[in-house]
C-alpha atoms as a PDB file:
ATOM      1  CA  MET A   1     -40.918  -9.894 -54.630  1.00  0.00           C
ATOM      2  CA  THR A   2     -41.584  -6.321 -55.683  1.00  0.00           C
ATOM      3  CA  GLU A   3     -40.410  -3.219 -54.089  1.00  0.00           C
ATOM      4  CA  TYR A   4     -42.849  -0.267 -53.864  1.00  0.00           C
ATOM      5  CA  SER A   5     -41.685   3.285 -53.176  1.00  0.00           C
ATOM      6  CA  GLN A   6     -42.643   5.328 -50.249  1.00  0.00           C
ATOM      7  CA  ASP A   7     -44.874   7.011 -52.928  1.00  0.00           C
ATOM      8  CA  HIS A   8     -47.144   4.078 -53.555  1.00  0.00           C
ATOM      9  CA  TYR A   9     -47.684   3.811 -49.370  1.00  0.00           C
ATOM     10  CA  PHE A  10     -48.313   7.489 -48.959  1.00  0.00           C
ATOM     11  CA  HIS A  11     -50.987   7.224 -51.870  1.00  0.00           C
ATOM     12  CA  LEU A  12     -52.769   4.515 -50.118  1.00  0.00           C
ATOM     13  CA  ILE A  13     -52.542   6.153 -46.625  1.00  0.00           C
ATOM     14  CA  GLU A  14     -54.060   9.508 -48.299  1.00  0.00           C
ATOM     15  CA  GLN A  15     -57.068   7.054 -49.775  1.00  0.00           C
ATOM     16  CA  LEU A  16     -57.541   5.972 -46.266  1.00  0.00           C
ATOM     17  CA  LEU A  17     -57.667   9.208 -44.978  1.00  0.00           C
ATOM     18  CA  GLN A  18     -60.283  10.579 -47.659  1.00  0.00           C
ATOM     19  CA  CYS A  19     -62.411   7.405 -48.212  1.00  0.00           C
ATOM     20  CA  PRO A  20     -65.914   7.452 -46.570  1.00  0.00           C
ATOM     21  CA  SER A  21     -66.009   6.017 -43.231  1.00  0.00           C
ATOM     22  CA  GLY A  22     -66.391   2.169 -43.496  1.00  0.00           C
ATOM     23  CA  SER A  23     -65.037   1.711 -46.751  1.00  0.00           C
ATOM     24  CA  GLU A  24     -61.271   1.453 -45.585  1.00  0.00           C
ATOM     25  CA  PRO A  25     -61.470  -2.543 -46.074  1.00  0.00           C
ATOM     26  CA  GLU A  26     -62.328  -1.831 -49.655  1.00  0.00           C
ATOM     27  CA  VAL A  27     -59.827   0.555 -50.280  1.00  0.00           C
ATOM     28  CA  LEU A  28     -57.112  -2.118 -48.688  1.00  0.00           C
ATOM     29  CA  ASP A  29     -58.323  -4.593 -50.694  1.00  0.00           C
ATOM     30  CA  GLN A  30     -57.796  -2.821 -54.082  1.00  0.00           C
ATOM     31  CA  HIS A  31     -53.847  -2.936 -53.024  1.00  0.00           C
ATOM     32  CA  PRO A  32     -53.173  -6.212 -51.788  1.00  0.00           C
ATOM     33  CA  GLU A  33     -49.620  -5.999 -53.039  1.00  0.00           C
ATOM     34  CA  LEU A  34     -49.098  -3.097 -50.516  1.00  0.00           C
ATOM     35  CA  LEU A  35     -50.426  -4.835 -47.447  1.00  0.00           C
ATOM     36  CA  ASN A  36     -47.137  -5.557 -45.615  1.00  0.00           C
ATOM     37  CA  PRO A  37     -45.223  -4.809 -42.714  1.00  0.00           C
ATOM     38  CA  THR A  38     -43.587  -1.528 -44.673  1.00  0.00           C
ATOM     39  CA  LEU A  39     -47.138  -0.177 -44.798  1.00  0.00           C
ATOM     40  CA  VAL A  40     -47.415  -0.975 -41.129  1.00  0.00           C
ATOM     41  CA  LYS A  41     -44.056   1.434 -40.676  1.00  0.00           C
ATOM     42  CA  THR A  42     -45.377   3.914 -42.756  1.00  0.00           C
ATOM     43  CA  LEU A  43     -48.849   4.225 -41.447  1.00  0.00           C
ATOM     44  CA  MET A  44     -47.057   4.834 -37.763  1.00  0.00           C
ATOM     45  CA  GLN A  45     -44.672   7.151 -39.339  1.00  0.00           C
ATOM     46  CA  VAL A  46     -47.475   9.367 -40.799  1.00  0.00           C
ATOM     47  CA  ALA A  47     -49.496   9.030 -37.864  1.00  0.00           C
ATOM     48  CA  THR A  48     -46.539  10.573 -35.590  1.00  0.00           C
ATOM     49  CA  MET A  49     -46.350  13.255 -38.020  1.00  0.00           C
ATOM     50  CA  MET A  50     -49.684  13.985 -37.801  1.00  0.00           C
ATOM     51  CA  ALA A  51     -50.020  13.950 -33.860  1.00  0.00           C
ATOM     52  CA  HIS A  52     -46.936  16.514 -33.934  1.00  0.00           C
ATOM     53  CA  GLN A  53     -48.998  18.619 -36.211  1.00  0.00           C
ATOM     54  CA  ASP A  54     -52.122  18.544 -33.829  1.00  0.00           C
ATOM     55  CA  ASN A  55     -53.966  16.168 -36.323  1.00  0.00           C
ATOM     56  CA  GLN A  56     -55.017  13.771 -33.402  1.00  0.00           C
ATOM     57  CA  ASP A  57     -58.055  12.372 -35.100  1.00  0.00           C
ATOM     58  CA  ALA A  58     -56.014  11.233 -37.974  1.00  0.00           C
ATOM     59  CA  ALA A  59     -53.180  10.317 -35.822  1.00  0.00           C
ATOM     60  CA  LYS A  60     -55.509   7.806 -33.701  1.00  0.00           C
ATOM     61  CA  PHE A  61     -57.228   6.582 -36.957  1.00  0.00           C
ATOM     62  CA  LEU A  62     -54.026   5.768 -38.874  1.00  0.00           C
ATOM     63  CA  ILE A  63     -52.247   4.107 -35.377  1.00  0.00           C
ATOM     64  CA  TYR A  64     -55.874   1.992 -35.263  1.00  0.00           C
ATOM     65  CA  VAL A  65     -55.604   0.951 -39.268  1.00  0.00           C
ATOM     66  CA  ALA A  66     -51.786  -0.006 -38.461  1.00  0.00           C
ATOM     67  CA  ARG A  67     -52.696  -2.309 -35.489  1.00  0.00           C
ATOM     68  CA  GLN A  68     -55.693  -3.948 -37.376  1.00  0.00           C
ATOM     69  CA  LEU A  69     -53.301  -4.745 -40.399  1.00  0.00           C
ATOM     70  CA  SER A  70     -50.716  -6.167 -37.988  1.00  0.00           C
ATOM     71  CA  LYS A  71     -53.028  -8.458 -36.503  1.00  0.00           C
ATOM     72  CA  GLU A  72     -54.105  -9.805 -39.958  1.00  0.00           C
ATOM     73  CA  LEU A  73     -50.279  -9.657 -40.937  1.00  0.00           C
ATOM     74  CA  GLY A  74     -49.411 -11.757 -37.790  1.00  0.00           C
ATOM     75  CA  LEU A  75     -47.231  -9.020 -36.498  1.00  0.00           C
ATOM     76  CA  TYR A  76     -49.307  -8.106 -33.526  1.00  0.00           C
ATOM     77  CA  PRO A  77     -48.855 -10.381 -30.455  1.00  0.00           C
ATOM     78  CA  GLN A  78     -51.945 -12.276 -29.598  1.00  0.00           C
ATOM     79  CA  ILE A  79     -52.501 -12.754 -25.740  1.00  0.00           C
ATOM     80  CA  SER A  80     -54.852 -15.375 -24.797  1.00  0.00           C
ATOM     81  CA  GLN A  81     -56.840 -15.049 -21.604  1.00  0.00           C
ATOM     82  CA  ASN A  82     -54.841 -17.444 -19.666  1.00  0.00           C
ATOM     83  CA  GLU A  83     -51.681 -15.352 -20.415  1.00  0.00           C
ATOM     84  CA  GLN A  84     -53.783 -12.000 -19.267  1.00  0.00           C
ATOM     85  CA  VAL A  85     -54.132 -13.370 -15.572  1.00  0.00           C
END
C-alpha cells in the first residue's frame, strides 16, 4: 500500500472547498487512493483549524464530508432502530 503525504490530502480538501456545490462526489471519485481513514482524520484537523479561524461554514462542511466518508468506509457506527430505544 502506498503512503501519501499530507500535501495530497490537503490538496484534495482544497479541491472540495472550491468545487461547486453538489460536485463533491465527483471530486472524491477522482482520488480513490486517498479515500481512507487518514483523509477522515485530516478533514477533521482542517475543520478544527477553520473553526478556530471563525470559518464555521467551511468547518461544518468538512465535518459533514468526514462523517459521510466515515460511513462509506465503515468507520462510523450505524445504530439500528432497535438500539435507539
